[in-house]
Amino acid sequence: MQRIRSLLLIGAAVLLTGCSTYVKVVSDPEGATITTPDGSVVYGIAPLDVEYRTSDLERDLGRIPGFRAHWPSGAEASTESPFVVQDLRYGAQVTLKRPKDHPGLEEDLQFALERAQLRAKEAEAEAERMRLYLDDGWFWGPPRFWRYGPYF
């Protein structure tokens, strides 16, 4: 029975892996709003990961619409469209660089700094939450004396 359970768990793990491919989109400086080239889909603020079904990428030969970055100053940068994901197993990373000749660099850098500080605070809060969780005795199981009574 234990052997069957182990085989089922291994089979489930094999079936569930490889279903998604991620494309990491980074902007330089960070904080650009990432969309499709035509602006029809807004993915969020960089840095971010965009998930694609691996089967869809295989069907489309790795082609995705591409990305466009829009900074608070109005500067924009785009990838080629369609963008081709070469490695469907490990995904890709795209870096969109702000045009140097566009005005408003200070505004974009200030926004990037604020975003980085916010992400640092969030990471600190998550680390503290995990520390409290791991330090709490319930993570490691009920107190030892519960098994034998309080006097042993």
N, C-alpha and C. Protein backbone atom coordinates (compact mmCIF):
# COMPACT_ATOMS: atom_id res chain seq x y z
N MET A 1 0.83 -1.20 0.00
CA MET A 1 0.00 0.00 0.00
C MET A 1 0.88 1.27 0.00
N GLN A 2 1.93 1.23 0.81
CA GLN A 2 2.84 2.37 0.88
C GLN A 2 3.53 2.58 -0.47
N ARG A 3 3.87 1.50 -1.15
CA ARG A 3 4.53 1.59 -2.45
C ARG A 3 3.60 2.22 -3.48
N ILE A 4 2.34 1.85 -3.46
CA ILE A 4 1.36 2.42 -4.41
C ILE A 4 1.20 3.92 -4.15
N ARG A 5 1.13 4.29 -2.88
CA ARG A 5 0.99 5.70 -2.53
C ARG A 5 2.20 6.50 -3.03
N SER A 6 3.40 5.94 -2.85
CA SER A 6 4.61 6.61 -3.33
C SER A 6 4.60 6.76 -4.83
N LEU A 7 4.20 5.73 -5.54
CA LEU A 7 4.13 5.80 -7.01
C LEU A 7 3.10 6.84 -7.46
N LEU A 8 1.98 6.91 -6.78
CA LEU A 8 0.97 7.91 -7.14
C LEU A 8 1.49 9.33 -6.92
N LEU A 9 2.21 9.54 -5.81
CA LEU A 9 2.77 10.86 -5.55
C LEU A 9 3.81 11.24 -6.59
N ILE A 10 4.65 10.31 -6.97
CA ILE A 10 5.66 10.58 -7.99
C ILE A 10 4.97 10.86 -9.33
N GLY A 11 3.96 10.07 -9.67
CA GLY A 11 3.23 10.29 -10.92
C GLY A 11 2.55 11.65 -10.95
N ALA A 12 1.96 12.06 -9.83
CA ALA A 12 1.31 13.37 -9.78
C ALA A 12 2.33 14.48 -9.94
N ALA A 13 3.49 14.32 -9.33
CA ALA A 13 4.54 15.34 -9.46
C ALA A 13 5.01 15.45 -10.90
N VAL A 14 5.15 14.33 -11.59
CA VAL A 14 5.58 14.35 -12.99
C VAL A 14 4.54 15.02 -13.86
N LEU A 15 3.28 14.72 -13.62
CA LEU A 15 2.22 15.31 -14.43
C LEU A 15 2.06 16.81 -14.20
N LEU A 16 2.30 17.26 -12.98
CA LEU A 16 2.08 18.66 -12.66
C LEU A 16 3.26 19.56 -13.03
N THR A 17 4.43 18.99 -13.24
CA THR A 17 5.57 19.82 -13.61
C THR A 17 5.57 20.03 -15.11
N GLY A 18 6.11 21.15 -15.53
CA GLY A 18 6.24 21.41 -16.95
C GLY A 18 4.98 21.93 -17.61
N CYS A 19 3.99 22.33 -16.84
CA CYS A 19 2.75 22.83 -17.42
C CYS A 19 2.83 24.30 -17.78
N SER A 20 3.76 25.02 -17.18
CA SER A 20 3.86 26.47 -17.39
C SER A 20 5.28 26.86 -17.73
N THR A 21 5.38 27.91 -18.52
CA THR A 21 6.65 28.53 -18.84
C THR A 21 6.54 29.99 -18.44
N TYR A 22 7.56 30.51 -17.78
CA TYR A 22 7.53 31.88 -17.30
C TYR A 22 8.50 32.76 -18.07
N VAL A 23 8.07 33.96 -18.36
CA VAL A 23 8.93 34.97 -18.96
C VAL A 23 9.06 36.08 -17.93
N LYS A 24 10.28 36.32 -17.47
CA LYS A 24 10.54 37.38 -16.50
C LYS A 24 10.76 38.68 -17.28
N VAL A 25 9.99 39.69 -16.94
CA VAL A 25 10.10 40.98 -17.61
C VAL A 25 10.64 42.01 -16.62
N VAL A 26 11.77 42.60 -16.98
CA VAL A 26 12.46 43.56 -16.13
C VAL A 26 12.58 44.86 -16.91
N SER A 27 12.41 45.98 -16.21
CA SER A 27 12.64 47.27 -16.86
C SER A 27 13.83 47.95 -16.21
N ASP A 28 14.52 48.75 -16.99
CA ASP A 28 15.69 49.48 -16.48
C ASP A 28 15.51 50.95 -16.79
N PRO A 29 15.17 51.79 -15.78
CA PRO A 29 15.00 51.49 -14.37
C PRO A 29 13.68 50.76 -14.12
N GLU A 30 13.62 50.09 -12.96
CA GLU A 30 12.41 49.32 -12.65
C GLU A 30 11.23 50.25 -12.45
N GLY A 31 10.03 49.64 -12.53
CA GLY A 31 8.83 50.42 -12.26
C GLY A 31 8.02 50.76 -13.48
N ALA A 32 8.42 50.31 -14.66
CA ALA A 32 7.63 50.58 -15.86
C ALA A 32 6.40 49.69 -15.86
N THR A 33 5.31 50.19 -16.41
CA THR A 33 4.11 49.39 -16.59
C THR A 33 4.31 48.54 -17.85
N ILE A 34 4.10 47.23 -17.72
CA ILE A 34 4.34 46.30 -18.82
C ILE A 34 3.01 45.88 -19.43
N THR A 35 2.92 46.02 -20.75
CA THR A 35 1.71 45.65 -21.50
C THR A 35 2.12 44.85 -22.73
N THR A 36 1.12 44.39 -23.47
CA THR A 36 1.39 43.85 -24.79
C THR A 36 1.72 45.03 -25.71
N PRO A 37 2.31 44.79 -26.87
CA PRO A 37 2.69 45.90 -27.75
C PRO A 37 1.52 46.81 -28.14
N ASP A 38 0.33 46.24 -28.28
CA ASP A 38 -0.82 47.07 -28.63
C ASP A 38 -1.53 47.65 -27.42
N GLY A 39 -1.07 47.30 -26.21
CA GLY A 39 -1.65 47.84 -24.98
C GLY A 39 -2.94 47.18 -24.55
N SER A 40 -3.33 46.09 -25.20
CA SER A 40 -4.62 45.46 -24.88
C SER A 40 -4.58 44.69 -23.56
N VAL A 41 -3.41 44.22 -23.15
CA VAL A 41 -3.28 43.49 -21.88
C VAL A 41 -2.23 44.20 -21.03
N VAL A 42 -2.60 44.53 -19.79
CA VAL A 42 -1.65 45.13 -18.85
C VAL A 42 -1.22 44.03 -17.89
N TYR A 43 0.08 43.72 -17.89
CA TYR A 43 0.61 42.67 -17.03
C TYR A 43 0.91 43.16 -15.63
N GLY A 44 1.32 44.42 -15.48
CA GLY A 44 1.65 44.95 -14.17
C GLY A 44 2.89 45.82 -14.24
N ILE A 45 3.49 46.03 -13.08
CA ILE A 45 4.67 46.89 -12.97
C ILE A 45 5.90 46.01 -12.82
N ALA A 46 6.92 46.30 -13.62
CA ALA A 46 8.16 45.50 -13.63
C ALA A 46 8.95 45.74 -12.35
N PRO A 47 9.64 44.72 -11.88
CA PRO A 47 9.84 43.40 -12.46
C PRO A 47 8.67 42.48 -12.17
N LEU A 48 8.37 41.59 -13.13
CA LEU A 48 7.27 40.65 -12.97
C LEU A 48 7.52 39.42 -13.82
N ASP A 49 6.77 38.36 -13.52
CA ASP A 49 6.81 37.13 -14.30
C ASP A 49 5.47 36.96 -14.99
N VAL A 50 5.52 36.63 -16.27
CA VAL A 50 4.32 36.38 -17.05
C VAL A 50 4.28 34.88 -17.36
N GLU A 51 3.18 34.24 -17.02
CA GLU A 51 3.04 32.79 -17.17
C GLU A 51 2.33 32.45 -18.48
N TYR A 52 2.89 31.47 -19.17
CA TYR A 52 2.27 30.94 -20.39
C TYR A 52 2.16 29.44 -20.27
N ARG A 53 1.11 28.88 -20.82
CA ARG A 53 0.98 27.43 -20.85
C ARG A 53 2.00 26.88 -21.84
N THR A 54 2.76 25.90 -21.40
CA THR A 54 3.80 25.33 -22.25
C THR A 54 3.20 24.72 -23.51
N SER A 55 2.04 24.10 -23.39
CA SER A 55 1.41 23.49 -24.57
C SER A 55 1.04 24.55 -25.61
N ASP A 56 0.61 25.73 -25.14
CA ASP A 56 0.30 26.82 -26.08
C ASP A 56 1.56 27.32 -26.77
N LEU A 57 2.65 27.42 -26.02
CA LEU A 57 3.91 27.86 -26.62
C LEU A 57 4.42 26.84 -27.63
N GLU A 58 4.28 25.56 -27.32
CA GLU A 58 4.69 24.53 -28.27
C GLU A 58 3.88 24.62 -29.55
N ARG A 59 2.59 24.84 -29.43
CA ARG A 59 1.71 24.96 -30.59
C ARG A 59 2.09 26.17 -31.44
N ASP A 60 2.44 27.29 -30.77
CA ASP A 60 2.76 28.53 -31.49
C ASP A 60 4.26 28.70 -31.76
N LEU A 61 5.03 27.60 -31.60
CA LEU A 61 6.48 27.62 -31.83
C LEU A 61 7.19 28.66 -30.96
N GLY A 62 6.69 28.87 -29.76
CA GLY A 62 7.33 29.76 -28.80
C GLY A 62 7.03 31.24 -29.01
N ARG A 63 6.16 31.56 -29.97
CA ARG A 63 5.87 32.97 -30.25
C ARG A 63 4.82 33.51 -29.27
N ILE A 64 5.15 34.68 -28.70
CA ILE A 64 4.21 35.42 -27.85
C ILE A 64 4.14 36.84 -28.38
N PRO A 65 3.13 37.61 -27.99
CA PRO A 65 2.95 38.94 -28.58
C PRO A 65 4.10 39.91 -28.38
N GLY A 66 4.89 39.74 -27.34
CA GLY A 66 5.94 40.70 -27.03
C GLY A 66 5.50 41.60 -25.88
N PHE A 67 6.33 42.60 -25.55
CA PHE A 67 6.06 43.45 -24.41
C PHE A 67 6.38 44.90 -24.74
N ARG A 68 5.67 45.78 -24.05
CA ARG A 68 5.96 47.21 -24.13
C ARG A 68 6.04 47.74 -22.71
N ALA A 69 7.04 48.57 -22.45
CA ALA A 69 7.21 49.19 -21.14
C ALA A 69 6.89 50.67 -21.27
N HIS A 70 6.15 51.17 -20.27
CA HIS A 70 5.78 52.59 -20.25
C HIS A 70 6.14 53.13 -18.86
N TRP A 71 7.11 54.09 -18.81
CA TRP A 71 7.55 54.67 -17.54
C TRP A 71 6.69 55.88 -17.18
N PRO A 72 6.69 56.30 -15.91
CA PRO A 72 5.87 57.45 -15.48
C PRO A 72 6.15 58.73 -16.27
N SER A 73 7.37 58.91 -16.78
CA SER A 73 7.70 60.12 -17.53
C SER A 73 7.12 60.11 -18.94
N GLY A 74 6.59 58.97 -19.36
CA GLY A 74 6.06 58.86 -20.72
C GLY A 74 7.00 58.13 -21.66
N ALA A 75 8.20 57.80 -21.21
CA ALA A 75 9.14 57.05 -22.04
C ALA A 75 8.60 55.65 -22.29
N GLU A 76 8.90 55.10 -23.47
CA GLU A 76 8.43 53.77 -23.82
C GLU A 76 9.54 52.98 -24.50
N ALA A 77 9.49 51.66 -24.33
CA ALA A 77 10.39 50.74 -25.02
C ALA A 77 9.61 49.47 -25.29
N SER A 78 9.97 48.76 -26.36
CA SER A 78 9.26 47.54 -26.76
C SER A 78 10.23 46.45 -27.17
N THR A 79 9.75 45.22 -27.09
CA THR A 79 10.47 44.09 -27.66
C THR A 79 9.99 43.91 -29.09
N GLU A 80 10.64 43.00 -29.80
CA GLU A 80 10.12 42.67 -31.12
C GLU A 80 8.79 41.96 -30.94
N SER A 81 7.96 42.05 -31.96
CA SER A 81 6.64 41.42 -31.89
C SER A 81 6.43 40.64 -33.18
N PRO A 82 6.28 39.35 -33.13
CA PRO A 82 6.21 38.52 -31.93
C PRO A 82 7.59 38.26 -31.33
N PHE A 83 7.59 38.04 -30.03
CA PHE A 83 8.80 37.68 -29.30
C PHE A 83 8.83 36.15 -29.26
N VAL A 84 9.98 35.55 -29.48
CA VAL A 84 10.08 34.09 -29.50
C VAL A 84 10.81 33.62 -28.24
N VAL A 85 10.13 32.77 -27.49
CA VAL A 85 10.72 32.14 -26.30
C VAL A 85 11.49 30.93 -26.80
N GLN A 86 12.81 30.97 -26.67
CA GLN A 86 13.66 29.90 -27.20
C GLN A 86 13.61 28.64 -26.34
N ASP A 87 13.59 28.80 -25.02
CA ASP A 87 13.66 27.67 -24.11
C ASP A 87 12.32 27.52 -23.39
N LEU A 88 11.53 26.55 -23.84
CA LEU A 88 10.19 26.39 -23.26
C LEU A 88 10.24 25.75 -21.87
N ARG A 89 11.35 25.15 -21.52
CA ARG A 89 11.47 24.53 -20.20
C ARG A 89 11.81 25.56 -19.13
N TYR A 90 12.77 26.44 -19.42
CA TYR A 90 13.23 27.41 -18.43
C TYR A 90 12.71 28.81 -18.67
N GLY A 91 12.02 29.05 -19.77
CA GLY A 91 11.46 30.36 -20.02
C GLY A 91 12.49 31.34 -20.55
N ALA A 92 12.26 32.61 -20.28
CA ALA A 92 13.14 33.66 -20.80
C ALA A 92 13.12 34.84 -19.85
N GLN A 93 14.09 35.72 -20.04
CA GLN A 93 14.10 36.99 -19.33
C GLN A 93 14.24 38.10 -20.36
N VAL A 94 13.39 39.09 -20.22
CA VAL A 94 13.38 40.24 -21.13
C VAL A 94 13.70 41.47 -20.31
N THR A 95 14.66 42.27 -20.77
CA THR A 95 14.98 43.54 -20.12
C THR A 95 14.66 44.67 -21.09
N LEU A 96 13.76 45.54 -20.68
CA LEU A 96 13.39 46.70 -21.49
C LEU A 96 14.08 47.92 -20.90
N LYS A 97 14.94 48.53 -21.69
CA LYS A 97 15.71 49.69 -21.23
C LYS A 97 15.04 50.98 -21.67
N ARG A 98 14.98 51.91 -20.75
CA ARG A 98 14.40 53.22 -21.02
C ARG A 98 15.30 53.97 -22.01
N PRO A 99 14.70 54.63 -23.02
CA PRO A 99 15.51 55.42 -23.95
C PRO A 99 16.23 56.55 -23.21
N LYS A 100 17.51 56.68 -23.44
CA LYS A 100 18.32 57.68 -22.73
C LYS A 100 17.97 59.11 -23.14
N ASP A 101 17.50 59.30 -24.36
CA ASP A 101 17.26 60.66 -24.85
C ASP A 101 15.88 61.20 -24.47
N HIS A 102 15.04 60.40 -23.82
CA HIS A 102 13.70 60.87 -23.45
C HIS A 102 13.79 61.68 -22.16
N PRO A 103 13.12 62.84 -22.09
CA PRO A 103 13.16 63.65 -20.87
C PRO A 103 12.42 62.97 -19.72
N GLY A 104 12.72 63.38 -18.50
CA GLY A 104 12.02 62.87 -17.32
C GLY A 104 12.72 61.72 -16.63
N LEU A 105 14.02 61.58 -16.84
CA LEU A 105 14.76 60.49 -16.22
C LEU A 105 14.69 60.56 -14.70
N GLU A 106 14.79 61.75 -14.12
CA GLU A 106 14.74 61.89 -12.66
C GLU A 106 13.43 61.37 -12.09
N GLU A 107 12.34 61.66 -12.76
CA GLU A 107 11.02 61.18 -12.32
C GLU A 107 10.99 59.65 -12.32
N ASP A 108 11.53 59.04 -13.36
CA ASP A 108 11.53 57.59 -13.45
C ASP A 108 12.45 56.96 -12.41
N LEU A 109 13.60 57.58 -12.16
CA LEU A 109 14.51 57.07 -11.15
C LEU A 109 13.92 57.19 -9.75
N GLN A 110 13.22 58.28 -9.48
CA GLN A 110 12.56 58.46 -8.17
C GLN A 110 11.49 57.39 -7.97
N PHE A 111 10.71 57.12 -9.01
CA PHE A 111 9.67 56.08 -8.92
C PHE A 111 10.31 54.71 -8.70
N ALA A 112 11.43 54.44 -9.39
CA ALA A 112 12.13 53.17 -9.22
C ALA A 112 12.64 53.03 -7.79
N LEU A 113 13.15 54.10 -7.23
CA LEU A 113 13.64 54.07 -5.85
C LEU A 113 12.50 53.77 -4.88
N GLU A 114 11.36 54.41 -5.07
CA GLU A 114 10.21 54.17 -4.20
C GLU A 114 9.74 52.72 -4.30
N ARG A 115 9.72 52.18 -5.53
CA ARG A 115 9.31 50.78 -5.73
C ARG A 115 10.30 49.83 -5.04
N ALA A 116 11.59 50.11 -5.17
CA ALA A 116 12.60 49.25 -4.55
C ALA A 116 12.48 49.29 -3.03
N GLN A 117 12.22 50.46 -2.46
CA GLN A 117 12.04 50.56 -1.02
C GLN A 117 10.80 49.81 -0.56
N LEU A 118 9.73 49.90 -1.32
CA LEU A 118 8.51 49.18 -0.98
C LEU A 118 8.74 47.67 -1.03
N ARG A 119 9.43 47.20 -2.07
CA ARG A 119 9.71 45.76 -2.16
C ARG A 119 10.61 45.31 -1.02
N ALA A 120 11.55 46.14 -0.59
CA ALA A 120 12.42 45.80 0.54
C ALA A 120 11.61 45.68 1.83
N LYS A 121 10.67 46.61 2.05
CA LYS A 121 9.81 46.54 3.24
C LYS A 121 8.95 45.29 3.21
N GLU A 122 8.41 44.95 2.05
CA GLU A 122 7.59 43.74 1.93
C GLU A 122 8.42 42.50 2.21
N ALA A 123 9.65 42.46 1.73
CA ALA A 123 10.53 41.31 1.98
C ALA A 123 10.86 41.21 3.46
N GLU A 124 11.09 42.34 4.11
CA GLU A 124 11.34 42.35 5.56
C GLU A 124 10.15 41.81 6.33
N ALA A 125 8.95 42.26 5.96
CA ALA A 125 7.74 41.80 6.63
C ALA A 125 7.55 40.30 6.43
N GLU A 126 7.83 39.81 5.23
CA GLU A 126 7.69 38.38 4.96
C GLU A 126 8.71 37.58 5.75
N ALA A 127 9.94 38.08 5.85
CA ALA A 127 10.97 37.40 6.64
C ALA A 127 10.57 37.35 8.11
N GLU A 128 10.02 38.43 8.63
CA GLU A 128 9.58 38.45 10.02
C GLU A 128 8.42 37.48 10.23
N ARG A 129 7.50 37.45 9.28
CA ARG A 129 6.36 36.52 9.38
C ARG A 129 6.86 35.08 9.40
N MET A 130 7.82 34.76 8.54
CA MET A 130 8.36 33.40 8.51
C MET A 130 9.14 33.09 9.78
N ARG A 131 9.86 34.07 10.32
CA ARG A 131 10.60 33.85 11.56
C ARG A 131 9.63 33.52 12.69
N LEU A 132 8.55 34.29 12.80
CA LEU A 132 7.56 34.02 13.84
C LEU A 132 6.91 32.66 13.65
N TYR A 133 6.64 32.31 12.41
CA TYR A 133 6.01 31.03 12.11
C TYR A 133 6.92 29.88 12.50
N LEU A 134 8.20 30.00 12.15
CA LEU A 134 9.13 28.91 12.44
C LEU A 134 9.51 28.86 13.91
N ASP A 135 9.49 29.98 14.62
CA ASP A 135 9.81 29.99 16.04
C ASP A 135 8.65 29.52 16.89
N ASP A 136 7.45 29.58 16.35
CA ASP A 136 6.28 29.13 17.09
C ASP A 136 6.35 27.61 17.23
N GLY A 137 6.09 27.10 18.43
CA GLY A 137 6.18 25.68 18.67
C GLY A 137 5.25 24.84 17.83
N TRP A 138 4.17 25.41 17.35
CA TRP A 138 3.20 24.64 16.58
C TRP A 138 3.75 24.23 15.23
N PHE A 139 4.74 24.93 14.73
CA PHE A 139 5.34 24.52 13.46
C PHE A 139 5.99 23.14 13.61
N TRP A 140 6.60 22.90 14.76
CA TRP A 140 7.31 21.66 14.99
C TRP A 140 6.42 20.61 15.64
N GLY A 141 5.15 20.90 15.85
CA GLY A 141 4.22 19.94 16.44
C GLY A 141 3.78 20.41 17.81
N PRO A 142 2.83 19.69 18.39
CA PRO A 142 2.35 20.08 19.73
C PRO A 142 3.47 19.93 20.75
N PRO A 143 3.35 20.62 21.87
CA PRO A 143 4.38 20.53 22.91
C PRO A 143 4.63 19.07 23.32
N ARG A 144 5.87 18.80 23.67
CA ARG A 144 6.29 17.42 23.96
C ARG A 144 5.50 16.80 25.11
N PHE A 145 5.17 17.58 26.15
CA PHE A 145 4.49 16.99 27.32
C PHE A 145 3.07 16.52 27.02
N TRP A 146 2.49 16.94 25.90
CA TRP A 146 1.15 16.48 25.57
C TRP A 146 1.10 14.98 25.32
N ARG A 147 2.21 14.43 24.90
CA ARG A 147 2.22 13.00 24.60
C ARG A 147 2.17 12.17 25.88
N TYR A 148 2.77 12.67 26.94
CA TYR A 148 2.89 11.86 28.15
C TYR A 148 2.21 12.46 29.36
N GLY A 149 1.69 13.65 29.22
CA GLY A 149 1.11 14.33 30.35
C GLY A 149 2.05 15.40 30.87
N PRO A 150 1.54 16.35 31.62
CA PRO A 150 2.38 17.48 32.05
C PRO A 150 3.44 17.11 33.09
N TYR A 151 3.39 15.93 33.73
CA TYR A 151 4.31 15.62 34.81
C TYR A 151 5.44 14.71 34.42
N PHE A 152 5.61 14.40 33.15
CA PHE A 152 6.69 13.51 32.74
C PHE A 152 7.76 14.25 32.04
